[in-house]
Structures are given as structure tokens and as C-alpha cells.
Amino acid sequence: MDPLSDSLDLLELRGTLHFRTAFSPPWSVAVPACRNAARFHLVARGHCHVRIGEGRHFALAPAT
């Protein structure tokens, strides 16, 4: 297996939820808290900002 698959298997993640979205400014999404959930986001084009709670803030963009 590859390192990512090994890591996810070690975490015993079971289940998936996938959706694709295309947003135009201005937009925002509030995601409710979920216990025992791992969340992954992929930015394929453009950029966005993510704020976790009232604290940490991240800028996301595609890898170059």
C-alpha cells in the first residue's frame, strides 16, 4: 500500500461522504461539528479561506 492508504487504514476510518461544489464569490459555508469525523478538502482551481471555529484561519489554493 501507499503511505496515505496505510495511514488511513491505521486510523480505522470507515465510511465516506463525497460532494463536489462550484462556488462564485461572495460565498460561505458553515459545517456543523461532527465527532469522530475526518474532513479533507481539495481546491482544484482558485482559492478560498477556511476558518475553524473562532480561531485558526487557513488560505487554500491548488498545489503548484
N, C-alpha and C. Protein backbone atom coordinates (compact mmCIF):
# COMPACT_ATOMS: atom_id res chain seq x y z
N MET A 1 0.84 -1.20 0.00
CA MET A 1 0.00 0.00 0.00
C MET A 1 0.88 1.25 0.00
N ASP A 2 0.28 2.35 -0.36
CA ASP A 2 0.99 3.63 -0.33
C ASP A 2 0.88 4.23 1.07
N PRO A 3 1.72 5.19 1.41
CA PRO A 3 1.72 5.77 2.77
C PRO A 3 0.37 6.37 3.20
N LEU A 4 -0.35 7.02 2.29
CA LEU A 4 -1.64 7.60 2.66
C LEU A 4 -2.63 6.49 3.01
N SER A 5 -2.70 5.47 2.19
CA SER A 5 -3.61 4.35 2.47
C SER A 5 -3.25 3.68 3.79
N ASP A 6 -1.95 3.49 4.04
CA ASP A 6 -1.51 2.90 5.31
C ASP A 6 -1.97 3.75 6.49
N SER A 7 -1.81 5.07 6.39
CA SER A 7 -2.20 5.97 7.48
C SER A 7 -3.69 5.94 7.72
N LEU A 8 -4.48 5.99 6.65
CA LEU A 8 -5.93 5.96 6.80
C LEU A 8 -6.40 4.63 7.36
N ASP A 9 -5.76 3.55 6.95
CA ASP A 9 -6.12 2.23 7.47
C ASP A 9 -5.81 2.14 8.96
N LEU A 10 -4.68 2.71 9.36
CA LEU A 10 -4.30 2.72 10.77
C LEU A 10 -5.31 3.48 11.61
N LEU A 11 -5.89 4.55 11.07
CA LEU A 11 -6.90 5.33 11.77
C LEU A 11 -8.26 4.64 11.82
N GLU A 12 -8.39 3.54 11.07
CA GLU A 12 -9.63 2.77 11.00
C GLU A 12 -10.83 3.62 10.58
N LEU A 13 -10.61 4.47 9.58
CA LEU A 13 -11.70 5.28 9.04
C LEU A 13 -12.63 4.37 8.25
N ARG A 14 -13.90 4.47 8.53
CA ARG A 14 -14.89 3.63 7.85
C ARG A 14 -16.08 4.48 7.44
N GLY A 15 -16.26 4.66 6.16
CA GLY A 15 -17.38 5.43 5.64
C GLY A 15 -16.88 6.59 4.80
N THR A 16 -17.72 7.06 3.91
CA THR A 16 -17.35 8.17 3.06
C THR A 16 -18.55 9.07 2.81
N LEU A 17 -18.24 10.29 2.56
CA LEU A 17 -19.22 11.26 2.10
C LEU A 17 -18.48 12.15 1.12
N HIS A 18 -18.93 12.20 -0.09
CA HIS A 18 -18.24 12.94 -1.13
C HIS A 18 -19.22 13.89 -1.79
N PHE A 19 -18.80 15.11 -2.02
CA PHE A 19 -19.60 16.00 -2.83
C PHE A 19 -18.70 16.98 -3.55
N ARG A 20 -19.17 17.45 -4.67
CA ARG A 20 -18.42 18.41 -5.47
C ARG A 20 -19.23 19.70 -5.52
N THR A 21 -18.54 20.80 -5.35
CA THR A 21 -19.22 22.09 -5.37
C THR A 21 -18.45 23.07 -6.24
N ALA A 22 -19.15 24.02 -6.78
CA ALA A 22 -18.54 25.12 -7.52
C ALA A 22 -19.17 26.39 -6.99
N PHE A 23 -18.37 27.25 -6.41
CA PHE A 23 -18.87 28.47 -5.78
C PHE A 23 -18.40 29.69 -6.55
N SER A 24 -19.18 30.75 -6.46
CA SER A 24 -18.81 32.05 -7.00
C SER A 24 -18.89 33.06 -5.87
N PRO A 25 -17.97 34.03 -5.83
CA PRO A 25 -17.99 34.98 -4.73
C PRO A 25 -19.21 35.89 -4.76
N PRO A 26 -19.64 36.39 -3.66
CA PRO A 26 -19.22 36.03 -2.31
C PRO A 26 -19.98 34.78 -1.86
N TRP A 27 -19.34 33.90 -1.14
CA TRP A 27 -19.99 32.69 -0.65
C TRP A 27 -19.37 32.28 0.68
N SER A 28 -20.09 31.47 1.40
CA SER A 28 -19.57 30.87 2.62
C SER A 28 -20.39 29.64 2.94
N VAL A 29 -19.80 28.75 3.70
CA VAL A 29 -20.46 27.51 4.11
C VAL A 29 -20.14 27.29 5.58
N ALA A 30 -21.16 26.99 6.37
CA ALA A 30 -20.95 26.63 7.77
C ALA A 30 -21.16 25.12 7.88
N VAL A 31 -20.19 24.42 8.41
CA VAL A 31 -20.26 22.97 8.56
C VAL A 31 -20.38 22.65 10.04
N PRO A 32 -21.45 21.94 10.43
CA PRO A 32 -21.62 21.64 11.86
C PRO A 32 -20.53 20.71 12.37
N ALA A 33 -20.26 20.81 13.64
CA ALA A 33 -19.27 19.93 14.27
C ALA A 33 -19.74 18.49 14.21
N CYS A 34 -18.80 17.58 14.01
CA CYS A 34 -19.10 16.16 13.92
C CYS A 34 -18.02 15.40 14.68
N ARG A 35 -18.42 14.66 15.69
CA ARG A 35 -17.43 13.88 16.45
C ARG A 35 -16.94 12.70 15.62
N ASN A 36 -15.71 12.35 15.82
CA ASN A 36 -15.10 11.19 15.16
C ASN A 36 -15.18 11.27 13.64
N ALA A 37 -14.96 12.45 13.12
CA ALA A 37 -15.00 12.63 11.66
C ALA A 37 -13.70 13.26 11.19
N ALA A 38 -13.18 12.76 10.09
CA ALA A 38 -12.01 13.35 9.44
C ALA A 38 -12.50 14.08 8.20
N ARG A 39 -12.07 15.29 8.02
CA ARG A 39 -12.51 16.08 6.87
C ARG A 39 -11.31 16.44 6.03
N PHE A 40 -11.49 16.31 4.73
CA PHE A 40 -10.45 16.65 3.77
C PHE A 40 -11.06 17.55 2.72
N HIS A 41 -10.31 18.54 2.29
CA HIS A 41 -10.79 19.48 1.27
C HIS A 41 -9.74 19.58 0.18
N LEU A 42 -10.20 19.71 -1.05
CA LEU A 42 -9.32 19.86 -2.19
C LEU A 42 -9.77 21.09 -2.97
N VAL A 43 -8.84 21.99 -3.21
CA VAL A 43 -9.11 23.16 -4.04
C VAL A 43 -8.43 22.89 -5.37
N ALA A 44 -9.23 22.72 -6.42
CA ALA A 44 -8.70 22.40 -7.75
C ALA A 44 -8.40 23.65 -8.57
N ARG A 45 -9.12 24.75 -8.28
CA ARG A 45 -8.94 25.98 -9.05
C ARG A 45 -9.34 27.15 -8.17
N GLY A 46 -8.64 28.25 -8.30
CA GLY A 46 -8.97 29.42 -7.49
C GLY A 46 -8.36 29.32 -6.10
N HIS A 47 -9.02 29.94 -5.14
CA HIS A 47 -8.53 29.89 -3.77
C HIS A 47 -9.72 30.11 -2.82
N CYS A 48 -9.50 29.78 -1.56
CA CYS A 48 -10.53 30.02 -0.55
C CYS A 48 -9.87 30.14 0.81
N HIS A 49 -10.64 30.56 1.78
CA HIS A 49 -10.17 30.71 3.15
C HIS A 49 -11.04 29.83 4.04
N VAL A 50 -10.40 29.16 4.98
CA VAL A 50 -11.11 28.29 5.91
C VAL A 50 -10.86 28.81 7.32
N ARG A 51 -11.92 28.94 8.09
CA ARG A 51 -11.80 29.34 9.49
C ARG A 51 -12.40 28.22 10.33
N ILE A 52 -11.65 27.78 11.32
CA ILE A 52 -12.12 26.72 12.21
C ILE A 52 -12.55 27.38 13.52
N GLY A 53 -13.86 27.33 13.77
CA GLY A 53 -14.40 27.99 14.96
C GLY A 53 -14.12 29.48 14.89
N GLU A 54 -13.79 30.03 16.02
CA GLU A 54 -13.45 31.46 16.07
C GLU A 54 -11.95 31.68 16.05
N GLY A 55 -11.20 30.59 15.79
CA GLY A 55 -9.76 30.68 15.92
C GLY A 55 -8.99 30.58 14.62
N ARG A 56 -8.45 29.41 14.34
CA ARG A 56 -7.48 29.21 13.27
C ARG A 56 -8.05 29.53 11.90
N HIS A 57 -7.22 30.11 11.05
CA HIS A 57 -7.61 30.55 9.71
C HIS A 57 -6.56 30.06 8.72
N PHE A 58 -7.01 29.51 7.61
CA PHE A 58 -6.12 28.97 6.60
C PHE A 58 -6.50 29.48 5.22
N ALA A 59 -5.53 29.74 4.38
CA ALA A 59 -5.76 30.05 2.98
C ALA A 59 -5.45 28.80 2.18
N LEU A 60 -6.38 28.38 1.30
CA LEU A 60 -6.20 27.18 0.49
C LEU A 60 -6.15 27.54 -0.99
N ALA A 61 -5.31 26.85 -1.73
CA ALA A 61 -5.19 27.03 -3.18
C ALA A 61 -4.63 25.73 -3.75
N PRO A 62 -4.76 25.53 -5.06
CA PRO A 62 -4.19 24.32 -5.66
C PRO A 62 -2.69 24.27 -5.48
N ALA A 63 -2.15 23.06 -5.39
CA ALA A 63 -0.69 22.89 -5.30
C ALA A 63 -0.07 23.27 -6.64
N THR A 64 1.10 23.86 -6.59
CA THR A 64 1.76 24.25 -7.84
C THR A 64 2.89 23.31 -8.16
